[in-house]
N, C-alpha and C. Protein backbone atom coordinates (compact mmCIF):
# COMPACT_ATOMS: atom_id res chain seq x y z
N MET A 1 52.72 -39.27 -19.93
CA MET A 1 52.02 -39.89 -20.65
C MET A 1 50.85 -39.21 -21.33
N GLU A 2 50.40 -39.39 -22.54
CA GLU A 2 49.62 -38.80 -24.12
C GLU A 2 48.46 -39.12 -23.73
N ILE A 3 47.82 -37.19 -23.82
CA ILE A 3 46.37 -37.77 -23.82
C ILE A 3 46.12 -37.66 -25.30
N ASP A 4 44.47 -38.36 -25.43
CA ASP A 4 44.41 -38.58 -26.80
C ASP A 4 43.41 -38.08 -27.12
N LYS A 5 42.85 -37.67 -28.46
CA LYS A 5 42.20 -36.49 -29.09
C LYS A 5 40.68 -36.18 -28.14
N LYS A 6 39.96 -37.04 -28.13
CA LYS A 6 39.16 -37.67 -27.41
C LYS A 6 39.20 -36.66 -25.89
N GLU A 7 39.94 -36.89 -25.65
CA GLU A 7 40.08 -36.64 -23.61
C GLU A 7 40.20 -35.12 -23.88
N LYS A 8 41.48 -34.33 -25.08
CA LYS A 8 41.22 -33.10 -25.66
C LYS A 8 40.35 -32.60 -25.87
N GLN A 9 39.68 -33.24 -26.38
CA GLN A 9 37.94 -32.17 -26.72
C GLN A 9 37.44 -32.33 -25.51
N GLU A 10 37.02 -33.15 -24.81
CA GLU A 10 36.20 -33.02 -22.79
C GLU A 10 36.85 -32.05 -22.34
N ILE A 11 37.80 -31.87 -21.80
CA ILE A 11 38.65 -30.75 -21.06
C ILE A 11 38.51 -29.31 -21.73
N ASN A 12 38.49 -29.98 -22.89
CA ASN A 12 38.04 -28.52 -23.75
C ASN A 12 36.99 -27.75 -23.51
N ILE A 13 35.43 -28.75 -23.68
CA ILE A 13 34.35 -28.48 -23.39
C ILE A 13 34.22 -28.06 -21.87
N GLU A 14 34.81 -28.61 -20.89
CA GLU A 14 34.70 -27.67 -19.67
C GLU A 14 35.12 -26.90 -19.30
N GLU A 15 36.39 -26.59 -20.36
CA GLU A 15 37.17 -25.39 -19.35
C GLU A 15 35.92 -24.28 -20.33
N LYS A 16 35.87 -24.53 -21.56
CA LYS A 16 34.60 -23.35 -22.41
C LYS A 16 33.92 -22.89 -21.02
N GLU A 17 33.42 -20.93 -21.08
CA GLU A 17 32.50 -20.52 -20.85
C GLU A 17 31.46 -20.80 -21.07
N ILE A 18 30.29 -21.18 -20.81
CA ILE A 18 28.49 -20.97 -21.11
C ILE A 18 28.30 -20.05 -20.97
N VAL A 19 27.99 -19.12 -21.92
CA VAL A 19 27.39 -17.56 -22.06
C VAL A 19 26.01 -17.65 -22.03
N LYS A 20 25.69 -17.45 -20.83
CA LYS A 20 23.85 -17.24 -20.79
C LYS A 20 23.51 -16.13 -21.80
N CYS A 21 22.09 -16.41 -21.88
CA CYS A 21 20.97 -15.33 -22.97
C CYS A 21 20.86 -14.13 -21.19
N PRO A 22 20.52 -12.49 -21.14
CA PRO A 22 20.50 -11.68 -20.45
C PRO A 22 19.20 -11.89 -19.79
N VAL A 23 18.00 -12.98 -20.45
CA VAL A 23 17.10 -13.18 -20.59
C VAL A 23 16.85 -13.83 -19.69
N GLU A 24 17.55 -15.31 -19.69
CA GLU A 24 18.44 -16.33 -18.61
C GLU A 24 18.27 -15.90 -17.07
N THR A 25 19.24 -14.86 -17.83
CA THR A 25 20.12 -14.23 -15.76
C THR A 25 18.68 -14.07 -15.43
N ALA A 26 17.45 -12.88 -15.93
CA ALA A 26 16.46 -12.29 -15.50
C ALA A 26 15.66 -13.14 -14.70
N ILE A 27 15.23 -14.37 -15.54
CA ILE A 27 14.51 -15.00 -15.14
C ILE A 27 15.03 -16.09 -13.57
N ASP A 28 16.62 -15.91 -13.94
CA ASP A 28 17.37 -17.30 -12.36
C ASP A 28 16.82 -16.38 -11.38
N VAL A 29 16.96 -14.64 -11.11
CA VAL A 29 16.84 -14.37 -10.64
C VAL A 29 15.25 -13.91 -9.71
N LEU A 30 14.74 -13.46 -11.07
CA LEU A 30 13.33 -13.11 -10.33
C LEU A 30 12.27 -14.58 -10.70
N ALA A 31 12.97 -15.67 -11.17
CA ALA A 31 11.59 -17.00 -10.70
C ALA A 31 10.95 -17.33 -9.87
N GLY A 32 9.67 -17.65 -10.37
CA GLY A 32 8.85 -18.18 -9.22
C GLY A 32 7.79 -16.72 -9.48
N LYS A 33 6.66 -17.17 -8.89
CA LYS A 33 5.51 -16.25 -8.77
C LYS A 33 5.77 -15.38 -7.64
N TRP A 34 5.74 -16.13 -6.73
CA TRP A 34 6.16 -15.34 -5.31
C TRP A 34 7.31 -13.62 -5.75
N LYS A 35 8.20 -14.03 -6.11
CA LYS A 35 9.03 -12.93 -6.06
C LYS A 35 9.42 -11.75 -6.89
N ILE A 36 8.21 -12.10 -7.80
CA ILE A 36 7.58 -11.12 -8.85
C ILE A 36 6.72 -10.11 -7.97
N LEU A 37 5.47 -11.38 -7.39
CA LEU A 37 4.59 -10.39 -6.35
C LEU A 37 5.03 -10.35 -5.16
N ILE A 38 6.11 -10.31 -4.87
CA ILE A 38 6.77 -9.62 -3.65
C ILE A 38 7.03 -7.71 -4.23
N LEU A 39 7.81 -7.96 -5.45
CA LEU A 39 8.54 -6.47 -5.69
C LEU A 39 7.07 -5.47 -6.08
N TRP A 40 6.33 -6.68 -6.40
CA TRP A 40 4.81 -5.92 -7.22
C TRP A 40 4.68 -4.71 -5.65
N TYR A 41 4.09 -5.38 -4.39
CA TYR A 41 3.46 -5.27 -3.62
C TYR A 41 4.65 -3.87 -2.62
N LEU A 42 5.92 -4.08 -3.06
CA LEU A 42 6.83 -3.40 -2.37
C LEU A 42 7.26 -2.15 -3.68
N ARG A 43 6.44 -2.38 -4.57
CA ARG A 43 7.15 -1.53 -5.57
C ARG A 43 6.36 0.72 -5.58
N ARG A 44 5.42 0.51 -4.30
CA ARG A 44 5.51 1.71 -3.45
C ARG A 44 5.38 1.97 -2.58
N ASP A 45 5.16 1.14 -1.76
CA ASP A 45 5.52 1.12 -0.03
C ASP A 45 6.86 0.47 0.46
N THR A 46 7.33 0.64 1.51
CA THR A 46 8.58 0.11 2.82
C THR A 46 7.26 -0.86 3.36
N LEU A 47 7.24 -2.49 3.26
CA LEU A 47 6.49 -3.04 4.22
C LEU A 47 6.93 -3.84 5.51
N ARG A 48 6.16 -4.15 6.34
CA ARG A 48 6.93 -4.92 7.23
C ARG A 48 6.59 -6.67 6.86
N PHE A 49 7.00 -7.23 7.47
CA PHE A 49 7.05 -9.22 7.08
C PHE A 49 5.71 -8.90 7.20
N ASN A 50 5.35 -8.72 8.43
CA ASN A 50 3.42 -9.30 8.85
C ASN A 50 2.54 -8.81 7.56
N GLU A 51 2.88 -7.23 7.09
CA GLU A 51 2.15 -6.68 6.06
C GLU A 51 2.67 -7.63 5.18
N LEU A 52 3.52 -8.04 4.46
CA LEU A 52 3.70 -8.21 3.21
C LEU A 52 3.05 -10.14 3.26
N GLN A 53 3.43 -11.10 4.03
CA GLN A 53 2.61 -11.86 4.24
C GLN A 53 1.19 -11.62 4.52
N LYS A 54 0.05 -10.39 4.84
CA LYS A 54 -1.40 -10.94 4.59
C LYS A 54 -1.31 -10.46 2.88
N LEU A 55 -0.57 -10.21 2.61
CA LEU A 55 -0.84 -9.60 0.82
C LEU A 55 -1.12 -10.98 0.08
N LEU A 56 -0.08 -11.91 1.10
CA LEU A 56 0.32 -12.98 -0.17
C LEU A 56 -0.07 -14.01 0.63
N PRO A 57 -1.76 -14.72 1.14
CA PRO A 57 -1.63 -15.49 1.75
C PRO A 57 -1.70 -16.97 1.30
N ARG A 58 -1.41 -17.07 0.58
CA ARG A 58 -1.01 -18.46 -0.18
C ARG A 58 0.24 -19.02 0.02
N THR A 59 1.28 -17.92 -0.12
CA THR A 59 2.23 -18.43 0.84
C THR A 59 2.71 -18.77 2.18
N THR A 60 3.67 -19.58 2.69
CA THR A 60 4.19 -20.14 3.98
C THR A 60 4.84 -18.55 4.23
N GLN A 61 4.96 -18.99 5.45
CA GLN A 61 5.85 -17.75 6.04
C GLN A 61 7.42 -18.41 5.32
N LYS A 62 7.81 -19.86 5.92
CA LYS A 62 8.79 -20.25 5.16
C LYS A 62 9.14 -19.67 3.86
N MET A 63 8.68 -20.05 2.81
CA MET A 63 8.48 -19.29 1.57
C MET A 63 8.87 -18.08 1.39
N LEU A 64 8.48 -17.31 1.76
CA LEU A 64 8.01 -15.88 2.10
C LEU A 64 9.81 -15.23 3.05
N ILE A 65 9.94 -16.13 4.03
CA ILE A 65 11.62 -15.17 4.10
C ILE A 65 12.70 -15.84 2.83
N GLN A 66 12.51 -17.11 2.76
CA GLN A 66 13.56 -17.72 1.75
C GLN A 66 13.51 -16.49 0.51
N LYS A 67 12.25 -16.60 -0.10
CA LYS A 67 12.03 -15.73 -1.29
C LYS A 67 12.90 -13.89 -0.87
N LEU A 68 12.41 -13.15 0.15
CA LEU A 68 12.97 -12.00 0.29
C LEU A 68 14.81 -12.46 0.83
N ARG A 69 14.76 -13.12 1.32
CA ARG A 69 16.65 -13.61 1.13
C ARG A 69 17.43 -13.34 0.02
N GLU A 70 16.64 -13.96 -1.29
CA GLU A 70 16.86 -14.34 -1.78
C GLU A 70 16.67 -13.06 -2.64
N LEU A 71 16.16 -11.95 -3.12
CA LEU A 71 16.20 -10.33 -3.57
C LEU A 71 16.45 -10.20 -3.16
N GLU A 72 16.99 -10.13 -1.69
CA GLU A 72 18.11 -9.15 -0.57
C GLU A 72 19.66 -9.50 -1.28
N LYS A 73 20.18 -10.95 -0.91
CA LYS A 73 21.32 -11.09 -2.36
C LYS A 73 21.41 -11.01 -3.51
N ASP A 74 20.68 -10.99 -3.98
CA ASP A 74 20.54 -10.05 -5.22
C ASP A 74 20.65 -8.52 -5.35
N GLY A 75 20.31 -8.01 -4.24
CA GLY A 75 20.81 -6.39 -4.17
C GLY A 75 19.21 -5.70 -4.26
N ILE A 76 18.31 -6.76 -4.48
CA ILE A 76 16.69 -6.09 -5.24
C ILE A 76 15.99 -5.13 -4.07
N VAL A 77 15.89 -6.67 -3.00
CA VAL A 77 15.04 -5.36 -1.27
C VAL A 77 16.44 -5.31 -0.58
N HIS A 78 16.01 -4.36 0.37
CA HIS A 78 16.72 -4.13 1.42
C HIS A 78 15.92 -4.41 2.51
N ARG A 79 16.54 -4.70 3.85
CA ARG A 79 16.04 -5.42 5.00
C ARG A 79 16.48 -4.27 5.87
N GLU A 80 15.41 -3.49 6.84
CA GLU A 80 15.94 -2.97 7.79
C GLU A 80 15.39 -3.82 9.29
N VAL A 81 16.28 -3.91 10.15
CA VAL A 81 16.27 -4.63 11.01
C VAL A 81 15.79 -3.24 12.49
N TYR A 82 15.03 -2.93 13.28
CA TYR A 82 15.03 -2.43 13.91
C TYR A 82 15.38 -2.79 15.00
N PRO A 83 16.29 -2.66 16.32
CA PRO A 83 16.88 -3.32 17.51
C PRO A 83 15.94 -2.51 18.65
N ILE A 84 14.17 -2.94 18.63
CA ILE A 84 13.06 -3.39 19.63
C ILE A 84 12.43 -4.43 19.36
N VAL A 85 12.08 -4.64 21.34
CA VAL A 85 11.20 -5.52 21.33
C VAL A 85 9.66 -5.15 21.26
N PRO A 86 8.64 -6.11 21.15
CA PRO A 86 9.35 -6.52 19.51
C PRO A 86 9.69 -6.37 18.31
N PRO A 87 10.92 -7.58 17.56
CA PRO A 87 11.32 -7.65 17.06
C PRO A 87 10.54 -6.39 15.59
N LYS A 88 11.19 -5.76 14.55
CA LYS A 88 10.20 -5.07 13.72
C LYS A 88 11.90 -4.74 12.63
N VAL A 89 10.73 -6.04 11.35
CA VAL A 89 11.62 -5.46 10.39
C VAL A 89 10.77 -4.94 8.93
N GLU A 90 11.49 -4.18 8.25
CA GLU A 90 10.70 -3.71 7.22
C GLU A 90 11.72 -3.86 5.45
N TYR A 91 10.69 -4.34 4.53
CA TYR A 91 11.43 -4.42 3.23
C TYR A 91 11.18 -3.33 1.98
N SER A 92 11.62 -3.28 2.16
CA SER A 92 11.62 -2.35 0.82
C SER A 92 12.28 -2.11 -0.73
N LEU A 93 12.16 -1.83 -1.59
CA LEU A 93 12.80 -1.70 -2.94
C LEU A 93 14.90 -1.28 -2.76
N THR A 94 15.47 -1.55 -3.37
CA THR A 94 16.39 -0.52 -3.15
C THR A 94 16.33 -0.41 -4.46
N SER A 95 17.58 1.07 -4.82
CA SER A 95 17.10 1.53 -5.98
C SER A 95 18.05 1.17 -6.98
N TYR A 96 18.71 -0.46 -7.34
CA TYR A 96 18.68 -1.23 -7.99
C TYR A 96 17.42 -1.71 -8.06
N GLY A 97 16.35 -2.05 -7.13
CA GLY A 97 15.29 -2.90 -7.61
C GLY A 97 14.25 -2.57 -7.89
N LYS A 98 14.24 -0.63 -7.33
CA LYS A 98 13.60 0.32 -8.23
C LYS A 98 13.66 0.18 -10.14
N THR A 99 14.92 0.01 -10.09
CA THR A 99 14.67 0.01 -11.87
C THR A 99 14.14 -1.36 -12.39
N LEU A 100 13.19 -2.35 -11.68
CA LEU A 100 12.80 -3.64 -11.80
C LEU A 100 11.24 -2.83 -12.43
N LYS A 101 10.71 -1.98 -11.92
CA LYS A 101 9.19 -1.09 -11.43
C LYS A 101 9.00 -1.19 -13.25
N PRO A 102 9.32 -0.80 -14.11
CA PRO A 102 8.53 -0.04 -14.82
C PRO A 102 8.20 -2.24 -15.99
N ILE A 103 9.33 -3.10 -15.35
CA ILE A 103 9.02 -3.90 -16.14
C ILE A 103 8.10 -4.65 -15.63
N ILE A 104 7.72 -4.69 -13.88
CA ILE A 104 6.48 -4.98 -13.57
C ILE A 104 5.49 -4.70 -13.32
N LYS A 105 5.23 -3.33 -13.68
CA LYS A 105 3.56 -2.03 -14.33
C LYS A 105 3.53 -2.85 -15.55
N ASP A 106 4.24 -2.80 -16.86
CA ASP A 106 3.93 -3.89 -17.87
C ASP A 106 3.44 -5.32 -17.93
N LEU A 107 4.76 -6.28 -16.96
CA LEU A 107 3.38 -7.73 -16.41
C LEU A 107 2.14 -7.27 -16.27
N TYR A 108 2.15 -6.41 -15.19
CA TYR A 108 0.44 -5.78 -14.77
C TYR A 108 -0.24 -5.63 -15.82
N LEU A 109 -0.05 -4.95 -16.70
CA LEU A 109 -0.75 -4.87 -17.96
C LEU A 109 -0.81 -5.77 -18.77
N TRP A 110 0.06 -6.31 -19.17
CA TRP A 110 -0.10 -7.81 -20.56
C TRP A 110 -0.83 -8.57 -19.28
N GLY A 111 -1.13 -8.95 -18.01
CA GLY A 111 -1.98 -9.51 -17.58
C GLY A 111 -3.00 -9.18 -17.38
N GLU A 112 -3.43 -7.53 -17.45
CA GLU A 112 -4.76 -6.74 -17.40
C GLU A 112 -5.62 -8.18 -19.25
N ILE A 113 -4.44 -7.53 -20.02
CA ILE A 113 -4.58 -7.54 -21.52
C ILE A 113 -5.36 -9.17 -21.68
N HIS A 114 -4.68 -10.06 -20.76
CA HIS A 114 -4.79 -11.75 -21.29
C HIS A 114 -5.61 -11.63 -20.95
N LYS A 115 -6.03 -11.38 -19.24
CA LYS A 115 -6.96 -11.93 -18.18
C LYS A 115 -8.62 -11.45 -19.60
N LYS A 116 -8.89 -10.14 -20.43
CA LYS A 116 -9.60 -9.65 -20.23
C LYS A 116 -10.02 -10.87 -21.86
N LYS A 117 -8.40 -11.09 -22.91
CA LYS A 117 -8.36 -11.71 -23.98
C LYS A 117 -9.77 -13.20 -23.58
N ASN A 118 -9.20 -13.78 -22.42
CA ASN A 118 -9.42 -15.16 -22.05
C ASN A 118 -10.82 -15.44 -21.30
N ASP A 119 -11.07 -14.29 -20.58
CA ASP A 119 -12.33 -14.25 -20.42
C ASP A 119 -13.76 -14.02 -21.13
N LYS A 120 -13.43 -13.56 -22.89
CA LYS A 120 -14.58 -13.44 -23.64
C LYS A 120 -15.01 -14.86 -23.87
């Protein structure tokens, strides 16, 4: 059975690896406003889940848990569970997560400039 030219091209396209731009990779990891805000609040302190929830009142518990798990899976946030009753869970930035601190600070500064520009 012989493969025609068109089929060969389709096979070659499927085999080629699509190379992502590093910015696209970063956006994939940090997409959505909740992840950026979580990182903003964790930049200085270790926080318990309830503390984060109070700082992010417009997010649901389910959404906050989901975003924290995604950040943990990506090695950006560390989750520490203490074996006590009631359960105590704390979140902090990993050393890898701390590499995002200057980027988060720059986003904050840009946001200030943009807000002032639009408030005129």
